[in-house]
Amino acid sequence: MVCVLKSHSPEPATLDKGEERVKTGKRLLGFAAVGLLLGSSAASAATITFADAIASTGTGKGNVLGVVSVDNTPSEFGSTGWDGTNLTFSGDAFDTSNFFARTVAELVANDITGSFGIVFQVNEAGAVKDVQLQQFGLTFFSSVGGVLFTAQYSGPTLDLAATGQGTSGYLFNVLLSQAEINQFFGNNANRVGGFVPSDSPILETSDGSDNFFLVQGQPGTPIPEPASILLLGSGLAGLGGWRARRGKRA
């Protein structure tokens, strides 16, 4: 007689409801953490805000950390940059021997090691002394010419009176996240250049260059990554919904 032995696969273990809820909660926390890490690496948190003040600093264009100067009538735009080998200029960029993309080494030598200030100097010599500043910004370059991130002032439009050349101007705060500070200041050969966009130029200009230069300023503390906050909030909201459903089932 031949005996046939039948094998039986064990039934898959089933979790009770309590264990299932714990596992679901852990998954949600994991998704939130992954999203937080991914978002923080891709986000650009840098901002430029108007400080509503005049900064009296500098003794002339050659003695400040100029990043971009533009000169034209009746409007101005332009940029300074770095392609990894050469300094670059576009549009109405002016006085390129004093206004160009600056290295981290230059900023550090002037005690700028984190968030800082940028001064806009209105230098109009024509009949109209006021200009309208719509937008401007900074581009942060790697040592090989890639763009690390940008910071931009996007309004509201400011009607600003002339302040003279090289001695004073309107102070803006450039706020960087700690991640951006680490990324940019981590290499002395990285550079920062300035730009005034062609679709939002400085208006009502009349026979004079308008200049942007960097200062220490009092910009406050680094700001958090906005995408990180959003993703963390989404993860917490998901956990909140899970807890609510758990309460109903209970």
Protein backbone atom coordinates (compact mmCIF):
# COMPACT_ATOMS: atom_id res chain seq x y z
CA MET A 1 0.00 0.00 0.00
CA VAL A 2 1.31 3.43 -0.90
CA CYS A 3 0.58 6.20 1.54
CA VAL A 4 0.28 9.68 0.07
CA LEU A 5 1.11 12.44 2.47
CA LYS A 6 -0.57 15.74 1.73
CA SER A 7 1.29 18.86 2.78
CA HIS A 8 -0.69 21.77 4.08
CA SER A 9 0.62 25.31 3.82
CA PRO A 10 0.09 27.18 7.04
CA GLU A 11 -2.64 29.76 6.99
CA PRO A 12 -1.26 33.28 6.81
CA ALA A 13 -1.20 34.88 10.19
CA THR A 14 -3.84 37.49 10.68
CA LEU A 15 -3.30 40.61 12.68
CA ASP A 16 -5.85 41.74 15.15
CA LYS A 17 -7.27 45.19 14.61
CA GLY A 18 -4.97 46.80 17.16
CA GLU A 19 -1.81 45.50 15.47
CA GLU A 20 -3.13 46.50 12.05
CA ARG A 21 -3.68 50.06 13.22
CA VAL A 22 -0.18 50.30 14.66
CA LYS A 23 1.34 49.07 11.38
CA THR A 24 -0.74 51.56 9.36
CA GLY A 25 0.37 54.38 11.61
CA LYS A 26 4.02 53.44 11.20
CA ARG A 27 3.63 53.41 7.40
CA LEU A 28 2.14 56.91 7.44
CA LEU A 29 4.98 58.19 9.60
CA GLY A 30 7.48 56.62 7.22
CA PHE A 31 5.85 58.25 4.18
CA ALA A 32 5.88 61.65 5.94
CA ALA A 33 9.57 61.29 6.81
CA VAL A 34 10.56 60.31 3.26
CA GLY A 35 8.57 63.20 1.83
CA LEU A 36 10.22 65.57 4.27
CA LEU A 37 13.70 64.48 3.23
CA LEU A 38 12.97 64.63 -0.50
CA GLY A 39 11.27 67.99 -0.29
CA SER A 40 13.99 69.68 1.75
CA SER A 41 16.67 68.82 -0.81
CA ALA A 42 14.75 70.24 -3.77
CA ALA A 43 13.16 73.35 -2.30
CA SER A 44 14.52 76.88 -2.60
CA ALA A 45 13.60 78.85 0.48
CA ALA A 46 15.65 82.01 -0.16
CA THR A 47 13.71 85.29 -0.13
CA ILE A 48 14.44 89.01 -0.46
CA THR A 49 12.35 91.48 1.54
CA PHE A 50 12.38 95.28 1.73
CA ALA A 51 13.69 96.51 5.07
CA ASP A 52 12.05 99.94 4.63
CA ALA A 53 15.26 101.71 5.59
CA ILE A 54 18.19 103.60 4.13
CA ALA A 55 21.60 102.10 4.79
CA SER A 56 24.45 104.60 4.95
CA THR A 57 27.45 102.53 4.00
CA GLY A 58 30.31 102.52 1.54
CA THR A 59 32.53 105.35 0.34
CA GLY A 60 32.29 104.82 -3.37
CA LYS A 61 31.46 102.18 -5.96
CA GLY A 62 34.90 100.63 -5.77
CA ASN A 63 34.68 100.10 -2.02
CA VAL A 64 31.49 98.03 -1.82
CA LEU A 65 30.67 94.45 -2.82
CA GLY A 66 28.85 95.35 -6.04
CA VAL A 67 26.95 92.49 -7.68
CA VAL A 68 25.09 94.25 -10.50
CA SER A 69 24.80 97.76 -11.92
CA VAL A 70 22.40 98.71 -14.74
CA ASP A 71 22.31 101.89 -16.81
CA ASN A 72 19.88 102.90 -19.55
CA THR A 73 16.97 105.26 -20.31
CA PRO A 74 13.96 105.05 -19.76
CA SER A 75 14.23 101.55 -18.24
CA GLU A 76 16.96 99.16 -17.16
CA PHE A 77 17.49 95.42 -16.85
CA GLY A 78 20.49 93.11 -16.85
CA SER A 79 22.44 90.49 -14.97
CA THR A 80 25.84 89.32 -13.79
CA GLY A 81 26.81 85.67 -13.56
CA TRP A 82 29.44 82.95 -13.70
CA ASP A 83 29.80 80.11 -16.21
CA GLY A 84 32.50 78.18 -14.38
CA THR A 85 35.33 79.89 -16.29
CA ASN A 86 34.32 83.48 -17.00
CA LEU A 87 32.22 86.22 -15.48
CA THR A 88 29.11 86.84 -17.58
CA PHE A 89 27.02 89.97 -18.19
CA SER A 90 23.74 90.63 -19.99
CA GLY A 91 21.32 93.42 -20.87
CA ASP A 92 22.19 96.85 -19.46
CA ALA A 93 24.85 95.56 -17.07
CA PHE A 94 27.23 98.46 -16.40
CA ASP A 95 30.58 99.16 -14.70
CA THR A 96 31.60 95.53 -14.90
CA SER A 97 34.93 96.16 -13.18
CA ASN A 98 33.12 96.96 -9.92
CA PHE A 99 29.86 95.02 -10.27
CA PHE A 100 30.12 91.29 -10.98
CA ALA A 101 29.39 87.87 -9.48
CA ARG A 102 31.21 87.72 -6.14
CA THR A 103 32.93 84.70 -4.59
CA VAL A 104 32.15 83.25 -1.18
CA ALA A 105 35.74 84.14 -0.23
CA GLU A 106 34.95 87.82 -0.88
CA LEU A 107 31.77 87.66 1.19
CA VAL A 108 33.53 85.94 4.10
CA ALA A 109 36.32 88.54 3.99
CA ASN A 110 33.58 91.12 4.58
CA ASP A 111 32.12 89.13 7.50
CA ILE A 112 29.17 87.77 5.50
CA THR A 113 28.80 84.10 6.43
CA GLY A 114 25.03 83.55 6.31
CA SER A 115 21.91 85.56 5.53
CA PHE A 116 22.85 89.11 4.59
CA GLY A 117 21.65 92.43 3.20
CA ILE A 118 21.64 93.94 -0.27
CA VAL A 119 21.51 97.70 -0.87
CA PHE A 120 19.84 99.26 -3.91
CA GLN A 121 21.48 102.58 -4.75
CA VAL A 122 19.47 104.96 -6.96
CA ASN A 123 21.92 107.13 -8.88
CA GLU A 124 19.89 109.17 -11.37
CA ALA A 125 21.41 112.33 -12.79
CA GLY A 126 18.58 113.43 -15.11
CA ALA A 127 15.57 115.64 -14.50
CA VAL A 128 13.58 112.80 -12.87
CA LYS A 129 15.30 111.54 -9.73
CA ASP A 130 12.84 108.80 -8.75
CA VAL A 131 12.72 105.28 -10.17
CA GLN A 132 10.28 102.42 -9.89
CA LEU A 133 11.82 99.16 -8.71
CA GLN A 134 9.61 96.20 -9.65
CA GLN A 135 11.74 93.08 -9.23
CA PHE A 136 15.34 92.04 -8.80
CA GLY A 137 17.19 89.04 -7.48
CA LEU A 138 20.34 87.09 -6.83
CA THR A 139 21.58 83.90 -8.47
CA PHE A 140 23.82 81.62 -6.39
CA PHE A 141 26.31 79.73 -8.56
CA SER A 142 28.48 76.70 -7.89
CA SER A 143 32.20 76.96 -8.57
CA VAL A 144 31.67 75.21 -11.93
CA GLY A 145 28.89 77.55 -13.05
CA GLY A 146 25.74 75.62 -12.17
CA VAL A 147 22.85 77.39 -10.47
CA LEU A 148 22.49 76.32 -6.84
CA PHE A 149 19.37 78.42 -6.13
CA THR A 150 17.99 81.93 -6.55
CA ALA A 151 16.44 84.59 -4.32
CA GLN A 152 14.08 87.25 -5.67
CA TYR A 153 12.23 90.38 -4.61
CA SER A 154 8.91 90.19 -6.47
CA GLY A 155 7.09 93.30 -5.32
CA PRO A 156 5.24 95.38 -4.50
CA THR A 157 6.69 98.01 -6.86
CA LEU A 158 8.63 100.65 -4.94
CA ASP A 159 8.86 104.34 -5.95
CA LEU A 160 12.34 105.30 -4.72
CA ALA A 161 14.16 108.63 -4.75
CA ALA A 162 17.82 109.04 -5.74
CA THR A 163 20.32 108.45 -2.95
CA GLY A 164 23.60 109.33 -4.68
CA GLN A 165 26.54 107.25 -5.81
CA GLY A 166 28.43 104.86 -3.57
CA THR A 167 27.36 106.14 -0.17
CA SER A 168 23.84 105.00 0.65
CA GLY A 169 20.78 103.18 -0.61
CA TYR A 170 17.72 101.14 0.23
CA LEU A 171 18.33 98.04 2.32
CA PHE A 172 16.75 94.66 1.54
CA ASN A 173 17.18 91.50 3.59
CA VAL A 174 18.32 88.29 1.87
CA LEU A 175 17.11 85.38 3.99
CA LEU A 176 18.52 81.91 3.36
CA SER A 177 17.61 78.59 4.92
CA GLN A 178 20.30 76.79 6.89
CA ALA A 179 20.55 74.22 4.10
CA GLU A 180 21.21 76.98 1.56
CA ILE A 181 23.78 78.62 3.83
CA ASN A 182 25.62 75.32 4.13
CA GLN A 183 25.39 74.65 0.39
CA PHE A 184 26.58 78.07 -0.75
CA PHE A 185 29.17 78.95 1.89
CA GLY A 186 30.60 75.43 1.84
CA ASN A 187 32.86 76.31 -1.12
CA ASN A 188 34.89 79.54 -1.25
CA ALA A 189 34.81 79.43 -5.06
CA ASN A 190 30.99 79.55 -5.31
CA ARG A 191 29.65 82.90 -6.52
CA VAL A 192 26.58 85.11 -6.29
CA GLY A 193 25.45 87.43 -9.09
CA GLY A 194 22.54 89.86 -9.44
CA PHE A 195 19.77 90.37 -11.95
CA VAL A 196 16.95 92.72 -12.90
CA PRO A 197 14.54 90.75 -15.16
CA SER A 198 13.80 92.08 -18.64
CA ASP A 199 10.05 91.63 -18.16
CA SER A 200 10.11 93.69 -14.93
CA PRO A 201 12.81 96.33 -15.50
CA ILE A 202 13.57 99.35 -13.36
CA LEU A 203 11.30 102.10 -14.73
CA GLU A 204 11.55 105.90 -15.15
CA THR A 205 15.35 105.87 -15.25
CA SER A 206 17.13 108.97 -16.51
CA ASP A 207 20.87 109.22 -17.18
CA GLY A 208 22.49 107.34 -14.33
CA SER A 209 23.49 103.85 -13.21
CA ASP A 210 21.53 102.08 -10.49
CA ASN A 211 23.54 99.73 -8.35
CA PHE A 212 23.14 96.73 -6.06
CA PHE A 213 25.78 95.81 -3.49
CA LEU A 214 26.03 93.35 -0.60
CA VAL A 215 26.34 94.24 3.09
CA GLN A 216 26.13 92.44 6.39
CA GLY A 217 22.80 93.99 7.30
CA GLN A 218 20.60 92.60 10.03
CA PRO A 219 18.56 90.01 8.16
CA GLY A 220 17.51 87.90 11.12
CA THR A 221 17.58 84.12 11.39
CA PRO A 222 17.60 81.50 8.61
CA ILE A 223 14.15 80.52 7.39
CA PRO A 224 12.81 76.96 7.18
CA GLU A 225 12.34 75.12 3.90
CA PRO A 226 8.72 75.76 2.79
CA ALA A 227 8.34 72.40 1.05
CA SER A 228 9.50 70.64 4.20
CA ILE A 229 6.86 72.39 6.24
CA LEU A 230 4.20 71.53 3.66
CA LEU A 231 5.16 67.87 3.48
CA LEU A 232 5.43 67.52 7.23
CA GLY A 233 2.00 69.12 7.58
CA SER A 234 0.59 66.69 5.02
CA GLY A 235 2.04 63.74 6.93
CA LEU A 236 0.61 64.98 10.22
CA ALA A 237 -2.76 65.60 8.59
CA GLY A 238 -2.73 62.01 7.32
CA LEU A 239 -1.99 60.76 10.81
CA GLY A 240 -4.81 62.91 12.15
CA GLY A 241 -7.25 61.36 9.68
CA TRP A 242 -6.04 57.86 10.58
CA ARG A 243 -6.55 58.55 14.27
CA ALA A 244 -10.07 59.87 13.61
CA ARG A 245 -10.99 56.73 11.64
CA ARG A 246 -9.52 54.59 14.39
CA GLY A 247 -11.68 56.36 16.98
CA LYS A 248 -14.82 55.76 14.94
CA ARG A 249 -14.08 52.04 14.56
CA ALA A 250 -13.38 51.75 18.25
